[in-house]
N, C-alpha and C. Protein backbone atom coordinates (compact mmCIF):
# COMPACT_ATOMS: atom_id res chain seq x y z
N MET A 1 0.28 0.85 23.48
CA MET A 1 -0.62 0.97 22.35
C MET A 1 -1.02 -0.26 21.65
N LYS A 2 -2.33 -0.33 21.19
CA LYS A 2 -2.62 -1.48 20.40
C LYS A 2 -1.91 -1.39 18.99
N ASN A 3 -1.76 -2.74 18.60
CA ASN A 3 -1.37 -2.98 17.17
C ASN A 3 -2.50 -2.83 16.18
N ARG A 4 -2.19 -2.33 15.06
CA ARG A 4 -3.04 -2.25 13.90
C ARG A 4 -2.30 -2.79 12.56
N MET A 5 -3.15 -3.14 11.72
CA MET A 5 -2.48 -3.65 10.43
C MET A 5 -2.99 -2.60 9.31
N LEU A 6 -2.06 -2.07 8.57
CA LEU A 6 -2.29 -1.19 7.51
C LEU A 6 -2.15 -2.12 6.24
N ILE A 7 -3.14 -1.91 5.36
CA ILE A 7 -3.07 -2.78 4.10
C ILE A 7 -3.06 -1.71 3.04
N ALA A 8 -2.04 -1.57 2.20
CA ALA A 8 -2.01 -0.74 1.02
C ALA A 8 -2.04 -1.56 -0.29
N VAL A 9 -2.79 -1.16 -1.16
CA VAL A 9 -2.93 -1.60 -2.52
C VAL A 9 -2.49 -0.53 -3.50
N TYR A 10 -1.47 -0.71 -4.27
CA TYR A 10 -0.96 0.18 -5.05
C TYR A 10 -0.53 -0.24 -6.40
N ASN A 11 -0.47 0.73 -7.40
CA ASN A 11 0.14 0.12 -8.71
C ASN A 11 1.61 -0.18 -8.52
N ASN A 12 1.90 -1.26 -9.17
CA ASN A 12 3.48 -1.70 -8.94
C ASN A 12 4.51 -0.65 -9.44
N ILE A 13 4.12 0.31 -10.27
CA ILE A 13 4.95 1.26 -10.57
C ILE A 13 5.42 2.26 -9.50
N LEU A 14 4.63 2.10 -8.28
CA LEU A 14 5.02 2.88 -7.13
C LEU A 14 5.84 2.15 -6.22
N ASP A 15 6.27 0.91 -6.49
CA ASP A 15 6.99 0.01 -5.52
C ASP A 15 8.21 0.56 -5.05
N THR A 16 8.98 1.21 -5.81
CA THR A 16 10.41 1.77 -5.29
C THR A 16 10.06 2.97 -4.39
N ALA A 17 8.95 3.83 -4.68
CA ALA A 17 8.66 4.86 -3.51
C ALA A 17 8.00 4.32 -2.33
N VAL A 18 7.41 3.18 -2.51
CA VAL A 18 6.85 2.62 -1.22
C VAL A 18 7.91 2.04 -0.37
N HIS A 19 8.77 1.31 -1.05
CA HIS A 19 9.74 0.80 -0.27
C HIS A 19 10.85 1.81 0.30
N GLY A 20 10.92 2.88 -0.56
CA GLY A 20 11.98 4.02 0.09
C GLY A 20 11.13 4.70 1.27
N LEU A 21 9.94 4.75 1.24
CA LEU A 21 9.12 5.30 2.51
C LEU A 21 9.25 4.43 3.73
N LEU A 22 9.22 3.05 3.51
CA LEU A 22 9.41 2.05 4.42
C LEU A 22 10.76 2.28 5.11
N ASP A 23 11.79 2.30 4.39
CA ASP A 23 13.11 2.51 4.82
C ASP A 23 13.24 3.73 5.67
N LYS A 24 12.80 4.81 5.03
CA LYS A 24 12.86 6.12 5.70
C LYS A 24 12.17 6.09 7.15
N MET A 25 11.08 5.32 7.18
CA MET A 25 10.32 5.31 8.44
C MET A 25 10.88 4.30 9.31
N ASP A 26 11.99 3.50 8.93
CA ASP A 26 12.57 2.35 9.80
C ASP A 26 11.41 1.30 10.00
N ILE A 27 10.69 1.03 9.03
CA ILE A 27 9.82 -0.14 9.09
C ILE A 27 10.35 -1.38 8.42
N CYS A 28 10.84 -2.28 9.37
CA CYS A 28 11.57 -3.35 8.65
C CYS A 28 10.88 -4.63 8.41
N GLY A 29 9.70 -4.82 9.16
CA GLY A 29 8.80 -5.90 8.97
C GLY A 29 7.52 -5.64 8.14
N PHE A 30 7.29 -6.35 7.24
CA PHE A 30 6.06 -6.20 6.31
C PHE A 30 5.89 -7.43 5.48
N THR A 31 4.79 -7.65 4.83
CA THR A 31 4.62 -8.57 3.85
C THR A 31 4.11 -7.91 2.58
N GLU A 32 4.60 -8.32 1.55
CA GLU A 32 4.22 -7.73 0.31
C GLU A 32 3.70 -8.91 -0.59
N LEU A 33 2.56 -8.63 -1.30
CA LEU A 33 2.06 -9.55 -2.26
C LEU A 33 2.20 -8.86 -3.75
N GLU A 34 2.87 -9.55 -4.63
CA GLU A 34 3.14 -8.93 -5.79
C GLU A 34 2.11 -9.37 -6.92
N GLU A 35 1.88 -8.48 -7.83
CA GLU A 35 1.09 -8.95 -9.11
C GLU A 35 -0.39 -9.23 -8.60
N VAL A 36 -1.02 -8.28 -7.84
CA VAL A 36 -2.34 -8.40 -7.32
C VAL A 36 -3.21 -7.79 -8.41
N LYS A 37 -4.15 -8.47 -8.84
CA LYS A 37 -5.06 -8.07 -9.85
C LYS A 37 -6.32 -7.50 -9.10
N GLY A 38 -6.95 -6.55 -10.13
CA GLY A 38 -8.20 -6.09 -9.55
C GLY A 38 -8.86 -4.83 -10.41
N LYS A 39 -9.63 -4.14 -9.88
CA LYS A 39 -10.15 -2.91 -10.75
C LYS A 39 -10.68 -1.93 -9.81
N GLY A 40 -10.09 -0.65 -10.02
CA GLY A 40 -10.39 0.52 -9.21
C GLY A 40 -11.35 1.27 -10.01
N CYS A 41 -12.39 1.93 -9.24
CA CYS A 41 -13.42 2.87 -9.75
C CYS A 41 -12.91 3.87 -10.71
N LYS A 42 -11.84 4.35 -10.41
CA LYS A 42 -11.10 5.62 -11.07
C LYS A 42 -9.92 5.13 -12.01
N THR A 43 -9.27 4.10 -11.39
CA THR A 43 -8.01 3.55 -12.32
C THR A 43 -8.27 2.44 -13.22
N GLY A 44 -9.41 1.85 -13.15
CA GLY A 44 -9.67 0.86 -14.08
C GLY A 44 -9.18 -0.56 -13.81
N PHE A 45 -9.05 -1.32 -14.77
CA PHE A 45 -8.61 -2.77 -14.57
C PHE A 45 -7.09 -2.89 -14.40
N HIS A 46 -6.60 -3.58 -13.60
CA HIS A 46 -5.23 -4.01 -13.38
C HIS A 46 -5.30 -5.55 -13.36
N LEU A 47 -5.04 -5.98 -14.57
CA LEU A 47 -5.13 -7.52 -14.82
C LEU A 47 -3.76 -8.23 -15.31
N GLY A 48 -3.01 -7.42 -15.60
CA GLY A 48 -1.56 -8.05 -16.22
C GLY A 48 -1.74 -8.77 -17.54
N THR A 49 -2.68 -8.28 -18.38
CA THR A 49 -2.95 -8.85 -19.53
C THR A 49 -2.58 -7.76 -20.76
N SER A 50 -2.64 -8.29 -21.87
CA SER A 50 -2.16 -7.31 -23.01
C SER A 50 -3.25 -6.19 -23.18
N VAL A 51 -4.46 -6.39 -22.92
CA VAL A 51 -5.60 -5.29 -22.87
C VAL A 51 -5.36 -4.50 -21.57
N TYR A 52 -5.25 -5.13 -20.32
CA TYR A 52 -5.05 -4.27 -19.13
C TYR A 52 -3.83 -4.73 -18.67
N PRO A 53 -2.81 -4.09 -19.03
CA PRO A 53 -1.32 -4.49 -18.48
C PRO A 53 -0.98 -4.25 -17.20
N ASP A 54 -1.50 -3.13 -16.53
CA ASP A 54 -1.12 -2.88 -15.09
C ASP A 54 -1.47 -3.91 -14.10
N LEU A 55 -0.54 -3.99 -13.07
CA LEU A 55 -0.68 -4.90 -11.81
C LEU A 55 -0.59 -4.03 -10.49
N ASN A 56 -1.03 -4.47 -9.57
CA ASN A 56 -0.92 -3.99 -8.22
C ASN A 56 0.10 -4.69 -7.35
N ASN A 57 0.50 -4.12 -6.28
CA ASN A 57 1.05 -4.80 -5.14
C ASN A 57 0.32 -4.58 -3.91
N MET A 58 0.42 -5.41 -2.92
CA MET A 58 -0.19 -5.19 -1.71
C MET A 58 0.69 -5.35 -0.59
N LEU A 59 0.71 -4.43 0.32
CA LEU A 59 1.56 -4.32 1.38
C LEU A 59 0.76 -4.59 2.76
N LEU A 60 1.27 -5.19 3.57
CA LEU A 60 0.63 -5.48 4.87
C LEU A 60 1.70 -5.25 5.96
N VAL A 61 1.26 -4.18 6.70
CA VAL A 61 2.27 -3.94 7.90
C VAL A 61 1.51 -3.88 9.22
N ILE A 62 2.09 -4.41 10.23
CA ILE A 62 1.49 -4.40 11.58
C ILE A 62 2.58 -3.64 12.50
N GLU A 63 2.15 -2.47 13.04
CA GLU A 63 2.90 -1.71 13.93
C GLU A 63 1.81 -1.17 14.97
N ASP A 64 2.24 -0.28 15.90
CA ASP A 64 1.55 0.40 16.79
C ASP A 64 0.78 1.57 16.20
N SER A 65 -0.41 1.97 16.72
CA SER A 65 -1.22 2.87 15.99
C SER A 65 -0.66 4.05 15.61
N GLU A 66 0.37 4.55 16.47
CA GLU A 66 1.00 5.80 16.24
C GLU A 66 1.92 5.82 14.95
N LYS A 67 2.74 4.76 14.84
CA LYS A 67 3.70 4.55 13.76
C LYS A 67 2.73 4.37 12.40
N LEU A 68 1.77 3.54 12.59
CA LEU A 68 0.86 3.38 11.45
C LEU A 68 0.26 4.64 10.85
N GLY A 69 -0.23 5.50 12.02
CA GLY A 69 -0.83 6.91 11.47
C GLY A 69 0.19 7.71 10.59
N LEU A 70 1.51 7.61 10.97
CA LEU A 70 2.37 8.40 10.26
C LEU A 70 2.70 7.84 8.86
N LEU A 71 2.80 6.39 8.82
CA LEU A 71 2.87 5.79 7.66
C LEU A 71 1.69 6.01 6.61
N SER A 72 0.53 6.11 7.25
CA SER A 72 -0.96 6.31 6.48
C SER A 72 -0.74 7.69 5.91
N THR A 73 -0.29 8.75 6.71
CA THR A 73 -0.16 10.13 6.28
C THR A 73 0.83 10.32 5.12
N GLU A 74 1.88 9.56 5.26
CA GLU A 74 2.87 9.65 4.00
C GLU A 74 2.28 8.88 2.85
N LEU A 75 1.80 7.88 2.86
CA LEU A 75 1.12 7.31 1.82
C LEU A 75 -0.03 8.03 1.34
N LYS A 76 -0.82 8.84 2.06
CA LYS A 76 -1.74 9.74 1.40
C LYS A 76 -1.03 10.80 0.58
N LYS A 77 -0.11 11.25 0.97
CA LYS A 77 0.74 12.37 0.43
C LYS A 77 1.32 11.81 -1.03
N MET A 78 1.68 10.53 -1.00
CA MET A 78 2.05 9.78 -2.31
C MET A 78 0.90 9.68 -3.21
N LYS A 79 -0.20 9.29 -2.64
CA LYS A 79 -1.44 9.18 -3.32
C LYS A 79 -1.75 10.49 -4.26
N GLU A 80 -1.64 11.67 -3.43
CA GLU A 80 -1.98 13.00 -3.97
C GLU A 80 -0.79 13.27 -5.13
N GLU A 81 0.38 12.84 -4.90
CA GLU A 81 1.48 13.12 -5.74
C GLU A 81 1.38 12.40 -7.12
N PHE A 82 0.77 11.12 -6.90
CA PHE A 82 0.57 10.29 -8.19
C PHE A 82 -0.86 9.81 -8.21
N PRO A 83 -1.77 10.77 -8.49
CA PRO A 83 -3.32 10.35 -8.52
C PRO A 83 -3.63 9.46 -9.59
N GLU A 84 -2.97 9.38 -10.66
CA GLU A 84 -3.29 8.47 -11.69
C GLU A 84 -3.04 7.05 -11.50
N GLU A 85 -2.13 6.79 -10.58
CA GLU A 85 -1.42 5.32 -10.47
C GLU A 85 -2.32 4.41 -9.62
N GLY A 86 -3.22 4.99 -8.77
CA GLY A 86 -3.97 4.17 -7.81
C GLY A 86 -3.23 3.66 -6.63
N LEU A 87 -3.81 4.13 -5.52
CA LEU A 87 -3.29 3.68 -4.13
C LEU A 87 -4.42 3.80 -3.18
N LYS A 88 -4.79 2.70 -2.56
CA LYS A 88 -5.69 2.58 -1.56
C LYS A 88 -5.17 2.08 -0.22
N ILE A 89 -5.61 2.75 0.84
CA ILE A 89 -5.08 2.44 2.30
C ILE A 89 -6.17 2.02 3.19
N PHE A 90 -5.89 0.98 3.75
CA PHE A 90 -6.88 0.38 4.87
C PHE A 90 -6.10 0.17 6.19
N THR A 91 -6.96 0.52 7.35
CA THR A 91 -6.24 -0.12 8.50
C THR A 91 -7.32 -0.80 9.26
N VAL A 92 -6.80 -1.81 9.90
CA VAL A 92 -7.78 -2.71 10.65
C VAL A 92 -7.19 -3.01 12.07
N PRO A 93 -7.96 -3.37 13.01
CA PRO A 93 -7.39 -3.75 14.37
C PRO A 93 -6.76 -5.24 14.28
N VAL A 94 -5.78 -5.45 15.21
CA VAL A 94 -5.07 -6.74 15.08
C VAL A 94 -5.46 -7.31 16.40
N GLU A 95 -6.13 -8.42 16.36
CA GLU A 95 -6.60 -9.16 17.56
C GLU A 95 -5.37 -9.96 18.30
N GLU A 96 -4.58 -10.61 17.47
CA GLU A 96 -3.46 -11.43 17.94
C GLU A 96 -2.41 -11.43 16.99
N ILE A 97 -1.13 -11.50 17.58
CA ILE A 97 0.00 -11.68 16.70
C ILE A 97 0.73 -13.01 17.01
């Protein structure tokens, strides 16, 4: 199977839940970028300022397509459970590791 990369950008309040999901799925390799700033069309600004105090984290995971599909499904469930927090999921093909 070909490898793909899942990119998840989510409100940092979901960090514990996201890490719990990674542990549950036995995904031990990932990169996380903390305090990512941005603006969501529905969730507004996440800038880490006194006016817009929220911040995001970004998760990068490279796995085979099947495992990433399962991770994506679980993250979508989390998105439905916490609709106000903001969670975006993207997958892209990986040319080389």
